[in-house]
N, C-alpha and C. Protein backbone atom coordinates (compact mmCIF):
# COMPACT_ATOMS: atom_id res chain seq x y z
N UNK A 1 -45.96 4.91 55.76
CA UNK A 1 -45.61 5.42 54.46
C UNK A 1 -45.33 4.23 53.52
N UNK A 2 -44.51 3.27 54.05
CA UNK A 2 -44.19 2.15 53.22
C UNK A 2 -45.37 1.35 52.72
N UNK A 3 -46.26 1.09 53.63
CA UNK A 3 -47.46 0.46 53.31
C UNK A 3 -48.29 1.13 52.24
N UNK A 4 -48.33 2.44 52.28
CA UNK A 4 -49.04 3.20 51.34
C UNK A 4 -48.46 3.06 49.96
N UNK A 5 -47.09 3.17 49.87
CA UNK A 5 -46.38 3.03 48.69
C UNK A 5 -46.57 1.68 47.94
N UNK A 6 -46.45 0.67 48.86
CA UNK A 6 -46.59 -0.66 48.33
C UNK A 6 -48.08 -0.99 47.78
N UNK A 7 -49.01 -0.44 48.58
CA UNK A 7 -50.36 -0.70 48.19
C UNK A 7 -50.66 0.09 46.86
N UNK A 8 -50.15 1.29 46.66
CA UNK A 8 -50.36 1.92 45.36
C UNK A 8 -49.65 1.26 44.22
N UNK A 9 -48.44 0.70 44.56
CA UNK A 9 -47.67 -0.02 43.58
C UNK A 9 -48.48 -1.35 43.11
N UNK A 10 -49.00 -2.09 44.10
CA UNK A 10 -49.77 -3.26 43.72
C UNK A 10 -51.11 -2.97 43.05
N UNK A 11 -51.65 -1.75 43.41
CA UNK A 11 -52.92 -1.40 42.65
C UNK A 11 -52.58 -1.06 41.19
N UNK A 12 -51.43 -0.41 41.01
CA UNK A 12 -51.10 -0.09 39.59
C UNK A 12 -50.75 -1.42 38.76
N UNK A 13 -50.10 -2.37 39.40
CA UNK A 13 -49.81 -3.65 38.75
C UNK A 13 -51.10 -4.38 38.51
N UNK A 14 -51.97 -4.36 39.46
CA UNK A 14 -53.35 -5.03 39.24
C UNK A 14 -54.15 -4.39 38.09
N UNK A 15 -54.07 -3.10 38.00
CA UNK A 15 -54.84 -2.42 36.96
C UNK A 15 -54.21 -2.77 35.63
N UNK A 16 -52.89 -2.78 35.51
CA UNK A 16 -52.17 -3.13 34.28
C UNK A 16 -52.45 -4.63 33.84
N UNK A 17 -52.45 -5.50 34.88
CA UNK A 17 -52.74 -6.85 34.55
C UNK A 17 -54.14 -7.02 34.04
N UNK A 18 -55.12 -6.39 34.69
CA UNK A 18 -56.46 -6.57 34.30
C UNK A 18 -56.73 -5.84 32.99
N UNK A 19 -56.05 -4.79 32.63
CA UNK A 19 -56.13 -4.20 31.32
C UNK A 19 -55.67 -5.08 30.20
N UNK A 20 -54.46 -5.84 30.43
CA UNK A 20 -54.05 -6.76 29.37
C UNK A 20 -54.90 -7.97 29.37
N UNK A 21 -55.38 -8.44 30.48
CA UNK A 21 -56.26 -9.59 30.54
C UNK A 21 -57.59 -9.30 29.83
N UNK A 22 -57.94 -8.12 29.72
CA UNK A 22 -59.21 -7.77 28.97
C UNK A 22 -59.10 -8.01 27.49
N UNK A 23 -57.88 -8.11 26.96
CA UNK A 23 -57.60 -8.35 25.60
C UNK A 23 -57.88 -9.85 25.18
N UNK A 24 -58.04 -10.73 26.17
CA UNK A 24 -58.30 -12.10 25.92
C UNK A 24 -59.75 -12.27 25.86
N UNK A 25 -60.22 -13.36 25.21
CA UNK A 25 -61.67 -13.57 25.12
C UNK A 25 -62.18 -14.12 26.42
N UNK A 26 -63.34 -13.43 26.88
CA UNK A 26 -63.85 -13.86 28.27
C UNK A 26 -64.73 -15.07 28.20
N UNK A 27 -65.52 -15.22 27.10
CA UNK A 27 -66.51 -16.25 27.04
C UNK A 27 -67.63 -15.89 27.92
N UNK A 28 -68.17 -16.88 28.63
CA UNK A 28 -69.33 -16.70 29.58
C UNK A 28 -69.12 -17.52 30.87
N UNK A 29 -69.98 -17.35 31.82
CA UNK A 29 -69.79 -18.17 33.00
C UNK A 29 -69.98 -19.66 32.80
N UNK A 30 -70.86 -20.03 31.80
CA UNK A 30 -71.03 -21.39 31.51
C UNK A 30 -70.06 -21.94 30.59
N UNK A 31 -69.39 -21.14 29.80
CA UNK A 31 -68.38 -21.63 28.84
C UNK A 31 -67.16 -20.61 28.88
N UNK A 32 -66.41 -20.62 29.94
CA UNK A 32 -65.29 -19.72 30.09
C UNK A 32 -64.14 -19.97 29.04
N UNK A 33 -63.57 -18.84 28.60
CA UNK A 33 -62.48 -18.91 27.66
C UNK A 33 -61.15 -18.47 28.29
N UNK A 34 -60.19 -18.08 27.53
CA UNK A 34 -58.86 -17.85 28.06
C UNK A 34 -58.83 -16.60 29.00
N UNK A 35 -59.66 -15.71 28.79
CA UNK A 35 -59.59 -14.50 29.53
C UNK A 35 -60.48 -14.44 30.84
N UNK A 36 -61.19 -15.50 31.11
CA UNK A 36 -62.14 -15.57 32.18
C UNK A 36 -61.39 -15.54 33.57
N UNK A 37 -60.50 -16.36 33.79
CA UNK A 37 -59.85 -16.36 35.04
C UNK A 37 -58.88 -15.20 35.20
N UNK A 38 -58.14 -14.84 34.18
CA UNK A 38 -57.23 -13.63 34.41
C UNK A 38 -58.04 -12.38 34.67
N UNK A 39 -59.18 -12.19 34.05
CA UNK A 39 -60.00 -11.00 34.23
C UNK A 39 -60.59 -11.08 35.67
N UNK A 40 -61.08 -12.21 36.04
CA UNK A 40 -61.64 -12.33 37.46
C UNK A 40 -60.56 -12.15 38.43
N UNK A 41 -59.40 -12.67 38.27
CA UNK A 41 -58.32 -12.54 39.19
C UNK A 41 -57.88 -11.07 39.36
N UNK A 42 -57.74 -10.32 38.16
CA UNK A 42 -57.41 -8.90 38.13
C UNK A 42 -58.41 -8.14 38.85
N UNK A 43 -59.58 -8.39 38.62
CA UNK A 43 -60.67 -7.56 39.26
C UNK A 43 -60.66 -7.75 40.85
N UNK A 44 -60.42 -8.91 41.26
CA UNK A 44 -60.27 -9.12 42.66
C UNK A 44 -59.05 -8.54 43.26
N UNK A 45 -57.95 -8.51 42.52
CA UNK A 45 -56.78 -8.00 42.96
C UNK A 45 -56.87 -6.46 43.03
N UNK A 46 -57.65 -5.83 42.05
CA UNK A 46 -57.90 -4.37 42.16
C UNK A 46 -58.71 -3.98 43.41
N UNK A 47 -59.79 -4.79 43.68
CA UNK A 47 -60.54 -4.53 44.83
C UNK A 47 -59.77 -4.61 46.11
N UNK A 48 -58.90 -5.62 46.22
CA UNK A 48 -58.17 -5.87 47.44
C UNK A 48 -57.09 -4.80 47.58
N UNK A 49 -56.37 -4.36 46.52
CA UNK A 49 -55.37 -3.38 46.52
C UNK A 49 -56.05 -2.00 46.85
N UNK A 50 -57.15 -1.69 46.27
CA UNK A 50 -57.92 -0.47 46.55
C UNK A 50 -58.37 -0.35 47.95
N UNK A 51 -58.76 -1.49 48.50
CA UNK A 51 -59.10 -1.56 49.92
C UNK A 51 -57.91 -1.16 50.78
N UNK A 52 -56.75 -1.77 50.49
CA UNK A 52 -55.56 -1.50 51.30
C UNK A 52 -55.14 0.07 51.08
N UNK A 53 -55.22 0.57 49.94
CA UNK A 53 -54.92 2.01 49.66
C UNK A 53 -55.80 2.89 50.53
N UNK A 54 -57.09 2.66 50.57
CA UNK A 54 -57.96 3.40 51.31
C UNK A 54 -57.73 3.30 52.74
N UNK A 55 -57.46 2.11 53.21
CA UNK A 55 -57.25 1.90 54.64
C UNK A 55 -55.94 2.56 55.17
N UNK A 56 -55.00 2.63 54.24
CA UNK A 56 -53.76 3.13 54.65
C UNK A 56 -53.55 4.63 54.49
N UNK A 57 -54.59 5.29 53.83
CA UNK A 57 -54.45 6.73 53.45
C UNK A 57 -54.57 7.60 54.76
N UNK A 58 -55.58 7.47 55.61
CA UNK A 58 -55.68 8.44 56.68
C UNK A 58 -54.58 8.33 57.77
N UNK A 59 -53.64 7.46 57.67
CA UNK A 59 -52.55 7.30 58.63
C UNK A 59 -51.63 8.61 58.66
N UNK A 60 -51.47 9.21 59.75
CA UNK A 60 -50.65 10.39 59.87
C UNK A 60 -49.23 10.00 59.95
N UNK A 61 -48.34 10.77 59.30
CA UNK A 61 -46.92 10.54 59.20
C UNK A 61 -46.31 10.76 60.60
N UNK A 62 -45.69 9.79 61.16
CA UNK A 62 -45.10 9.86 62.53
C UNK A 62 -43.57 10.06 62.43
N UNK A 63 -43.03 9.93 61.23
CA UNK A 63 -41.58 10.06 61.16
C UNK A 63 -40.89 8.75 61.17
N UNK A 64 -41.55 7.76 61.59
CA UNK A 64 -40.82 6.38 61.67
C UNK A 64 -41.25 5.51 60.47
N UNK A 65 -40.44 4.67 60.07
CA UNK A 65 -40.70 3.79 58.89
C UNK A 65 -41.49 2.59 59.36
N UNK A 66 -42.21 2.01 58.38
CA UNK A 66 -43.04 0.90 58.71
C UNK A 66 -42.16 -0.32 58.83
N UNK A 67 -42.86 -1.40 59.35
CA UNK A 67 -42.08 -2.66 59.62
C UNK A 67 -42.25 -3.57 58.37
N UNK A 68 -41.76 -3.03 57.26
CA UNK A 68 -41.74 -3.92 56.11
C UNK A 68 -40.47 -4.71 56.00
N UNK A 69 -40.63 -6.01 55.91
CA UNK A 69 -39.41 -6.88 55.83
C UNK A 69 -39.19 -7.01 54.28
N UNK A 70 -38.21 -6.12 53.80
CA UNK A 70 -37.93 -6.08 52.35
C UNK A 70 -37.28 -7.29 51.89
N UNK A 71 -36.54 -8.04 52.74
CA UNK A 71 -35.87 -9.21 52.22
C UNK A 71 -36.90 -10.28 51.93
N UNK A 72 -37.97 -10.48 52.85
CA UNK A 72 -38.98 -11.33 52.61
C UNK A 72 -39.77 -11.04 51.29
N UNK A 73 -39.98 -9.68 51.17
CA UNK A 73 -40.78 -9.36 49.92
C UNK A 73 -39.98 -9.67 48.69
N UNK A 74 -38.74 -9.44 48.68
CA UNK A 74 -37.91 -9.82 47.49
C UNK A 74 -37.90 -11.33 47.29
N UNK A 75 -37.74 -12.12 48.33
CA UNK A 75 -37.84 -13.60 48.12
C UNK A 75 -39.20 -14.09 47.65
N UNK A 76 -40.28 -13.36 48.07
CA UNK A 76 -41.68 -13.72 47.60
C UNK A 76 -41.74 -13.41 46.13
N UNK A 77 -41.32 -12.33 45.75
CA UNK A 77 -41.31 -11.91 44.27
C UNK A 77 -40.47 -12.87 43.41
N UNK A 78 -39.22 -13.27 43.97
CA UNK A 78 -38.49 -14.24 43.30
C UNK A 78 -39.17 -15.60 43.16
N UNK A 79 -39.83 -15.95 44.23
CA UNK A 79 -40.60 -17.27 44.28
C UNK A 79 -41.66 -17.28 43.28
N UNK A 80 -42.41 -16.21 43.11
CA UNK A 80 -43.48 -16.14 42.17
C UNK A 80 -42.86 -16.13 40.71
N UNK A 81 -41.85 -15.50 40.46
CA UNK A 81 -41.18 -15.59 39.13
C UNK A 81 -40.71 -16.97 38.83
N UNK A 82 -40.15 -17.68 39.84
CA UNK A 82 -39.64 -18.99 39.62
C UNK A 82 -40.86 -19.90 39.42
N UNK A 83 -41.98 -19.67 39.99
CA UNK A 83 -43.24 -20.47 39.77
C UNK A 83 -43.61 -20.47 38.27
N UNK A 84 -43.51 -19.25 37.72
CA UNK A 84 -43.84 -19.17 36.25
C UNK A 84 -42.86 -19.97 35.38
N UNK A 85 -41.65 -19.93 35.75
CA UNK A 85 -40.63 -20.68 34.96
C UNK A 85 -40.69 -22.24 35.27
N UNK A 86 -41.01 -22.54 36.60
CA UNK A 86 -40.99 -23.92 36.93
C UNK A 86 -42.22 -24.65 36.44
N UNK A 87 -43.28 -23.85 36.26
CA UNK A 87 -44.49 -24.52 35.74
C UNK A 87 -44.32 -25.16 34.33
N UNK A 88 -43.44 -24.45 33.57
CA UNK A 88 -43.15 -24.90 32.25
C UNK A 88 -42.37 -26.27 32.32
N UNK A 89 -41.52 -26.41 33.26
CA UNK A 89 -40.77 -27.61 33.44
C UNK A 89 -41.40 -28.81 34.09
N UNK A 90 -42.10 -28.46 35.24
CA UNK A 90 -42.67 -29.56 36.11
C UNK A 90 -44.14 -29.77 35.95
N UNK A 91 -44.87 -28.81 35.48
CA UNK A 91 -46.25 -28.89 35.29
C UNK A 91 -47.02 -28.27 36.45
N UNK A 92 -48.27 -28.19 36.37
CA UNK A 92 -49.10 -27.47 37.28
C UNK A 92 -49.08 -27.95 38.71
N UNK A 93 -49.34 -29.25 38.88
CA UNK A 93 -49.39 -29.80 40.29
C UNK A 93 -48.09 -29.76 41.03
N UNK A 94 -46.95 -30.10 40.49
CA UNK A 94 -45.75 -29.99 41.15
C UNK A 94 -45.33 -28.51 41.40
N UNK A 95 -45.46 -27.63 40.50
CA UNK A 95 -45.12 -26.20 40.66
C UNK A 95 -45.93 -25.54 41.59
N UNK A 96 -47.23 -25.89 41.62
CA UNK A 96 -48.16 -25.18 42.60
C UNK A 96 -47.92 -25.75 44.01
N UNK A 97 -47.66 -26.96 44.16
CA UNK A 97 -47.32 -27.49 45.47
C UNK A 97 -46.12 -26.85 46.02
N UNK A 98 -45.04 -26.76 45.23
CA UNK A 98 -43.76 -26.19 45.70
C UNK A 98 -43.84 -24.76 46.02
N UNK A 99 -44.53 -23.93 45.23
CA UNK A 99 -44.56 -22.51 45.46
C UNK A 99 -45.49 -22.18 46.63
N UNK A 100 -46.56 -23.03 46.81
CA UNK A 100 -47.35 -22.71 48.05
C UNK A 100 -46.63 -23.07 49.29
N UNK A 101 -46.00 -24.29 49.21
CA UNK A 101 -45.14 -24.66 50.37
C UNK A 101 -44.07 -23.57 50.75
N UNK A 102 -43.39 -23.07 49.65
CA UNK A 102 -42.43 -22.00 49.72
C UNK A 102 -42.98 -20.75 50.44
N UNK A 103 -44.16 -20.34 49.87
CA UNK A 103 -44.73 -19.13 50.41
C UNK A 103 -45.20 -19.23 51.83
N UNK A 104 -45.67 -20.37 52.17
CA UNK A 104 -46.11 -20.63 53.57
C UNK A 104 -44.91 -20.61 54.53
N UNK A 105 -43.82 -21.19 54.08
CA UNK A 105 -42.56 -21.18 54.92
C UNK A 105 -42.08 -19.82 55.05
N UNK A 106 -42.15 -18.99 53.94
CA UNK A 106 -41.77 -17.65 54.01
C UNK A 106 -42.56 -16.80 54.96
N UNK A 107 -43.79 -17.19 55.14
CA UNK A 107 -44.79 -16.54 56.01
C UNK A 107 -44.59 -17.11 57.44
N UNK A 108 -43.60 -17.84 57.60
CA UNK A 108 -43.25 -18.43 58.90
C UNK A 108 -44.34 -19.26 59.48
N UNK A 109 -44.98 -20.07 58.58
CA UNK A 109 -45.97 -21.07 59.15
C UNK A 109 -45.30 -22.09 59.85
N UNK A 110 -45.67 -22.41 61.12
CA UNK A 110 -44.91 -23.40 61.96
C UNK A 110 -45.04 -24.84 61.47
N UNK A 111 -43.94 -25.64 61.67
CA UNK A 111 -44.04 -26.97 61.24
C UNK A 111 -43.87 -27.20 59.71
N UNK A 112 -43.88 -28.57 59.40
CA UNK A 112 -43.80 -28.89 57.99
C UNK A 112 -44.98 -29.64 57.53
N UNK A 113 -45.65 -30.31 58.37
CA UNK A 113 -46.86 -31.12 57.99
C UNK A 113 -48.02 -30.18 57.52
N UNK A 114 -48.35 -29.17 58.27
CA UNK A 114 -49.45 -28.27 57.96
C UNK A 114 -49.21 -27.55 56.63
N UNK A 115 -48.08 -26.95 56.38
CA UNK A 115 -47.85 -26.32 55.03
C UNK A 115 -47.87 -27.28 53.97
N UNK A 116 -47.35 -28.54 54.22
CA UNK A 116 -47.25 -29.59 53.17
C UNK A 116 -48.73 -30.08 52.79
N UNK A 117 -49.50 -30.22 53.74
CA UNK A 117 -50.93 -30.77 53.56
C UNK A 117 -51.72 -29.67 52.96
N UNK A 118 -51.58 -28.41 53.40
CA UNK A 118 -52.25 -27.21 52.80
C UNK A 118 -51.93 -27.10 51.28
N UNK A 119 -50.60 -27.13 51.01
CA UNK A 119 -50.23 -27.01 49.68
C UNK A 119 -50.67 -28.12 48.75
N UNK A 120 -50.68 -29.30 49.22
CA UNK A 120 -51.11 -30.46 48.47
C UNK A 120 -52.69 -30.36 48.28
N UNK A 121 -53.35 -29.92 49.28
CA UNK A 121 -54.79 -29.77 49.18
C UNK A 121 -55.20 -28.78 48.20
N UNK A 122 -54.52 -27.66 48.25
CA UNK A 122 -54.86 -26.51 47.28
C UNK A 122 -54.63 -26.92 45.83
N UNK A 123 -53.41 -27.46 45.58
CA UNK A 123 -53.05 -27.85 44.28
C UNK A 123 -53.95 -28.95 43.73
N UNK A 124 -54.25 -29.94 44.47
CA UNK A 124 -55.21 -31.08 44.02
C UNK A 124 -56.56 -30.42 43.79
N UNK A 125 -57.02 -29.59 44.72
CA UNK A 125 -58.42 -29.05 44.57
C UNK A 125 -58.54 -28.29 43.34
N UNK A 126 -57.59 -27.34 43.07
CA UNK A 126 -57.65 -26.54 41.73
C UNK A 126 -57.57 -27.51 40.55
N UNK A 127 -56.69 -28.52 40.62
CA UNK A 127 -56.50 -29.51 39.55
C UNK A 127 -57.94 -30.15 39.23
N UNK A 128 -58.54 -30.62 40.23
CA UNK A 128 -59.85 -31.30 40.03
C UNK A 128 -60.92 -30.39 39.51
N UNK A 129 -60.88 -29.17 40.08
CA UNK A 129 -61.97 -28.19 39.71
C UNK A 129 -61.72 -27.90 38.18
N UNK A 130 -60.54 -27.58 37.84
CA UNK A 130 -60.35 -27.06 36.36
C UNK A 130 -60.21 -28.22 35.44
N UNK A 131 -59.51 -29.26 35.78
CA UNK A 131 -59.39 -30.42 34.78
C UNK A 131 -60.65 -31.32 34.68
N UNK A 132 -61.13 -31.64 35.89
CA UNK A 132 -62.23 -32.67 35.82
C UNK A 132 -63.62 -31.98 35.61
N UNK A 133 -63.89 -30.99 36.50
CA UNK A 133 -65.20 -30.37 36.47
C UNK A 133 -65.34 -29.43 35.25
N UNK A 134 -64.50 -28.59 35.03
CA UNK A 134 -64.65 -27.54 33.99
C UNK A 134 -64.10 -28.06 32.70
N UNK A 135 -63.27 -29.10 32.68
CA UNK A 135 -62.68 -29.64 31.33
C UNK A 135 -61.63 -28.68 30.79
N UNK A 136 -61.01 -27.90 31.58
CA UNK A 136 -60.01 -26.96 31.11
C UNK A 136 -58.69 -27.53 31.32
N UNK A 137 -57.70 -27.32 30.38
CA UNK A 137 -56.39 -27.79 30.39
C UNK A 137 -55.54 -26.85 31.24
N UNK A 138 -54.78 -27.44 32.18
CA UNK A 138 -53.74 -26.65 33.00
C UNK A 138 -52.46 -26.94 32.33
N UNK A 139 -51.59 -25.97 32.59
CA UNK A 139 -50.19 -26.13 31.97
C UNK A 139 -49.48 -27.33 32.52
């Protein structure tokens, strides 16, 4: 039941996000504008949330609650909110590295080296893709 409620909640959030992202100028695939990435991200989020809603629907109620770790969920939401604020202060690379490392440790990824390398690799990859190849400015 908890998975069903969470999936419907995230579906609603994704729909709202995509609706407001549609107000931005999309541009084209060859010349993306401000609304390109938010609209693409929102569309993917809707598809993923809808998949989870559909997969969780035929589950029969057994009377027991799901194994949702609410404490972790709250810490993840706080981390994402902090990412938005921290990006203003530290910039894209530092904020992205820190939030990815934080989220990987919240997901109980073992060790420190693997999450650190993964976070650095993702942050640098997206930096080079958007800054160097697409010529887009990151915050």
